[in-house]
Amino acid sequence: MNNDDRHLVLLISDDYQTMEVLEQTFVQANSRMLEATNLQQVVSAMQQEMPDIVVCDTDVKEVDRQNLQQSMPDNLELQSLPFVFLYSTGPVQEVGRYLDLDQYLHKPFTPIALVSLVERMLANKESLAQYAQADSQTAVVNRRVLRKEIFRELKRIERHGGNMSVCILDIVDQRGVSVQPKWDKCNLEMA
């Protein structure tokens, strides 16, 4: 795990000039980078460290989301990984194998346009991740996060010993109406 808090961008192109432009663009944007020219290199790079975003030249024929999912079927992070595809021919409708693409940018592109698109997509990804963990109005973490933390703490107690008590109250229903709390006993089992 890298302690560097800069975003990691995976650059995929088998064209030397395109890769040079991409490298210079993301050096200027102060991003960390991984580079790949084919599907095997992409899979290897993603197994070492999952990028925050992928910038892929559509001229690399074998690299698309479907082939990646077939090559890495157990990787759940891949499903939410944002992609930017760079294409050079015709309207985007003609790029048939990229129907599930997140965004596209026609070549030639300006570095400012690419960086702006990547930053916007990363901000959207972070916003969605925050919504998946906490209530948007109260910023209180949701059940999934609480459960994860409880199991993490249970494992720590199992290793080092100790006791733990947990009490979770939800006294407002989804419509914002106050309700009488229900007291339930529940047993937490180790995952």
Protein backbone atom coordinates (compact mmCIF):
# COMPACT_ATOMS: atom_id res chain seq x y z
CA MET A 1 0.00 0.00 0.00
CA ASN A 2 1.40 3.36 -1.02
CA ASN A 3 1.26 6.22 1.51
CA ASP A 4 1.37 8.83 -1.25
CA ASP A 5 -2.03 10.56 -1.27
CA ARG A 6 -1.82 11.62 -4.93
CA HIS A 7 -4.21 9.93 -7.34
CA LEU A 8 -2.86 6.94 -9.25
CA VAL A 9 -3.62 7.01 -12.97
CA LEU A 10 -3.15 3.94 -15.16
CA LEU A 11 -2.14 5.01 -18.67
CA ILE A 12 -2.74 2.49 -21.45
CA SER A 13 -1.42 3.04 -24.96
CA ASP A 14 0.75 1.12 -27.39
CA ASP A 15 1.62 4.29 -29.31
CA TYR A 16 4.85 5.94 -28.16
CA GLN A 17 3.75 9.51 -28.99
CA THR A 18 0.38 9.16 -27.25
CA MET A 19 2.09 7.71 -24.16
CA GLU A 20 4.55 10.62 -24.12
CA VAL A 21 1.69 13.15 -24.19
CA LEU A 22 -0.13 11.27 -21.43
CA GLU A 23 3.01 11.08 -19.27
CA GLN A 24 3.73 14.79 -19.63
CA THR A 25 0.08 15.65 -18.94
CA PHE A 26 -0.06 13.72 -15.66
CA VAL A 27 3.43 14.77 -14.53
CA GLN A 28 2.18 18.36 -14.82
CA ALA A 29 -0.96 17.37 -12.91
CA ASN A 30 1.24 15.91 -10.13
CA SER A 31 -0.32 12.45 -10.38
CA ARG A 32 1.27 9.09 -9.80
CA MET A 33 1.25 6.90 -12.90
CA LEU A 34 1.39 3.31 -14.02
CA GLU A 35 1.87 2.51 -17.69
CA ALA A 36 0.77 -0.43 -19.80
CA THR A 37 0.72 -1.29 -23.49
CA ASN A 38 -1.36 -4.50 -23.48
CA LEU A 39 -3.91 -6.48 -21.47
CA GLN A 40 -1.32 -8.57 -19.61
CA GLN A 41 0.53 -5.45 -18.41
CA VAL A 42 -2.78 -3.86 -17.35
CA VAL A 43 -3.76 -6.91 -15.28
CA SER A 44 -0.29 -7.09 -13.72
CA ALA A 45 -0.35 -3.38 -12.83
CA MET A 46 -3.85 -3.63 -11.32
CA GLN A 47 -2.85 -6.64 -9.23
CA GLN A 48 0.05 -4.66 -7.74
CA GLU A 49 -1.97 -1.53 -6.98
CA MET A 50 -5.48 -0.62 -8.08
CA PRO A 51 -5.47 2.76 -9.83
CA ASP A 52 -7.95 5.52 -9.05
CA ILE A 53 -8.72 5.97 -12.75
CA VAL A 54 -7.75 4.49 -16.12
CA VAL A 55 -6.93 6.49 -19.24
CA CYS A 56 -7.00 4.11 -22.19
CA ASP A 57 -6.25 4.62 -25.86
CA THR A 58 -8.93 2.75 -27.85
CA ASP A 59 -6.25 1.78 -30.38
CA VAL A 60 -5.12 -0.86 -27.85
CA LYS A 61 -7.59 -3.39 -29.22
CA GLU A 62 -7.74 -5.97 -26.44
CA VAL A 63 -8.14 -3.60 -23.49
CA ASP A 64 -11.71 -2.84 -22.52
CA ARG A 65 -13.79 -3.30 -19.38
CA GLN A 66 -15.22 -6.65 -20.51
CA ASN A 67 -11.79 -8.22 -21.15
CA LEU A 68 -10.51 -6.86 -17.84
CA GLN A 69 -13.46 -8.34 -15.95
CA GLN A 70 -12.83 -11.69 -17.62
CA SER A 71 -9.13 -11.50 -16.71
CA MET A 72 -9.84 -10.40 -13.12
CA PRO A 73 -13.24 -11.93 -12.25
CA ASP A 74 -12.83 -11.68 -8.46
CA ASN A 75 -11.88 -8.01 -8.41
CA LEU A 76 -14.91 -6.04 -7.19
CA GLU A 77 -13.07 -2.70 -7.37
CA LEU A 78 -12.92 -3.02 -11.14
CA GLN A 79 -16.69 -2.58 -11.41
CA SER A 80 -16.56 0.96 -10.06
CA LEU A 81 -13.23 1.97 -11.59
CA PRO A 82 -13.68 5.03 -13.82
CA PHE A 83 -12.33 4.85 -17.38
CA VAL A 84 -11.53 7.58 -19.88
CA PHE A 85 -11.21 6.27 -23.42
CA LEU A 86 -9.27 8.21 -26.04
CA TYR A 87 -10.50 7.52 -29.56
CA SER A 88 -9.37 8.80 -32.93
CA THR A 89 -11.95 7.73 -35.53
CA GLY A 90 -15.51 8.76 -36.19
CA PRO A 91 -18.24 9.58 -33.69
CA VAL A 92 -18.26 7.72 -30.39
CA GLN A 93 -21.21 5.57 -31.54
CA GLU A 94 -18.79 3.83 -33.92
CA VAL A 95 -16.62 2.75 -31.01
CA GLY A 96 -18.97 -0.19 -30.42
CA ARG A 97 -16.88 -2.20 -27.98
CA TYR A 98 -16.87 0.67 -25.48
CA LEU A 99 -20.62 0.89 -24.88
CA ASP A 100 -20.11 0.86 -21.11
CA LEU A 101 -17.40 3.49 -21.10
CA ASP A 102 -17.50 6.22 -18.50
CA GLN A 103 -16.20 9.07 -20.61
CA TYR A 104 -14.50 9.54 -23.92
CA LEU A 105 -12.21 12.15 -25.39
CA HIS A 106 -11.53 12.53 -29.09
CA LYS A 107 -7.89 12.63 -30.21
CA PRO A 108 -6.20 15.01 -30.58
CA PHE A 109 -7.09 16.32 -27.14
CA THR A 110 -5.68 19.12 -25.05
CA PRO A 111 -3.93 18.17 -21.81
CA ILE A 112 -6.13 20.67 -19.96
CA ALA A 113 -9.30 18.96 -21.25
CA LEU A 114 -8.00 15.52 -20.21
CA VAL A 115 -6.91 16.60 -16.74
CA SER A 116 -10.17 18.47 -16.21
CA LEU A 117 -12.19 15.39 -17.21
CA VAL A 118 -10.11 13.11 -14.95
CA GLU A 119 -10.43 15.48 -11.98
CA ARG A 120 -14.20 15.71 -12.46
CA MET A 121 -14.54 11.92 -12.67
CA LEU A 122 -12.39 11.42 -9.55
CA ALA A 123 -14.47 13.99 -7.65
CA ASN A 124 -17.65 12.13 -8.69
CA LYS A 125 -16.12 8.82 -7.59
CA GLU A 126 -15.17 10.25 -4.18
CA SER A 127 -18.60 11.80 -3.76
CA LEU A 128 -20.30 8.48 -4.52
CA ALA A 129 -17.98 6.68 -2.12
CA GLN A 130 -18.89 9.16 0.62
CA TYR A 131 -22.63 8.68 -0.04
CA ALA A 132 -22.14 4.91 0.17
CA GLN A 133 -20.68 5.28 3.68
CA ALA A 134 -22.61 8.05 5.36
CA ASP A 135 -25.96 9.80 5.45
CA SER A 136 -25.85 12.87 3.22
CA GLN A 137 -27.76 15.07 5.69
CA THR A 138 -26.27 14.04 9.02
CA ALA A 139 -22.89 12.61 7.93
CA VAL A 140 -23.53 9.70 10.30
CA VAL A 141 -21.97 6.51 9.01
CA ASN A 142 -24.33 3.84 7.76
CA ARG A 143 -24.90 0.27 8.90
CA ARG A 144 -22.34 -1.17 6.46
CA VAL A 145 -19.55 0.99 7.85
CA LEU A 146 -20.59 0.33 11.45
CA ARG A 147 -20.69 -3.41 10.82
CA LYS A 148 -17.23 -3.33 9.25
CA GLU A 149 -15.82 -1.40 12.22
CA ILE A 150 -17.51 -3.73 14.73
CA PHE A 151 -16.01 -6.81 13.08
CA ARG A 152 -12.60 -5.11 12.91
CA GLU A 153 -12.83 -4.42 16.64
CA LEU A 154 -14.00 -7.98 17.38
CA LYS A 155 -10.96 -9.35 15.57
CA ARG A 156 -8.70 -7.04 17.58
CA ILE A 157 -10.33 -8.27 20.82
CA GLU A 158 -9.90 -11.87 19.67
CA ARG A 159 -6.15 -11.26 19.19
CA HIS A 160 -5.50 -9.20 22.32
CA GLY A 161 -8.38 -10.09 24.62
CA GLY A 162 -10.90 -7.78 26.22
CA ASN A 163 -14.59 -7.01 26.20
CA MET A 164 -16.83 -4.92 24.02
CA SER A 165 -20.35 -3.55 24.21
CA VAL A 166 -22.21 -2.13 21.25
CA CYS A 167 -25.42 -0.14 21.29
CA ILE A 168 -26.80 1.27 18.05
CA LEU A 169 -29.95 3.38 18.15
CA ASP A 170 -31.83 4.70 15.18
CA ILE A 171 -34.51 6.99 16.56
CA VAL A 172 -35.52 8.67 13.30
CA ASP A 173 -37.07 6.76 10.44
CA GLN A 174 -36.25 7.42 6.78
CA ARG A 175 -38.93 10.09 6.48
CA GLY A 176 -37.41 12.05 9.35
CA VAL A 177 -40.22 11.15 11.78
CA SER A 178 -39.24 10.42 15.37
CA VAL A 179 -40.05 6.90 16.48
CA GLN A 180 -39.85 4.98 19.72
CA PRO A 181 -36.58 3.06 19.86
CA LYS A 182 -36.84 -0.69 19.73
CA TRP A 183 -34.45 -2.55 21.96
CA ASP A 184 -33.16 -5.68 20.31
CA LYS A 185 -30.51 -8.06 21.48
CA CYS A 186 -28.31 -9.22 18.72
CA ASN A 187 -25.39 -11.55 18.58
CA LEU A 188 -22.45 -10.55 16.44
CA GLU A 189 -20.62 -13.47 14.97
CA MET A 190 -17.15 -13.39 13.55
CA ALA A 191 -17.08 -13.29 9.77
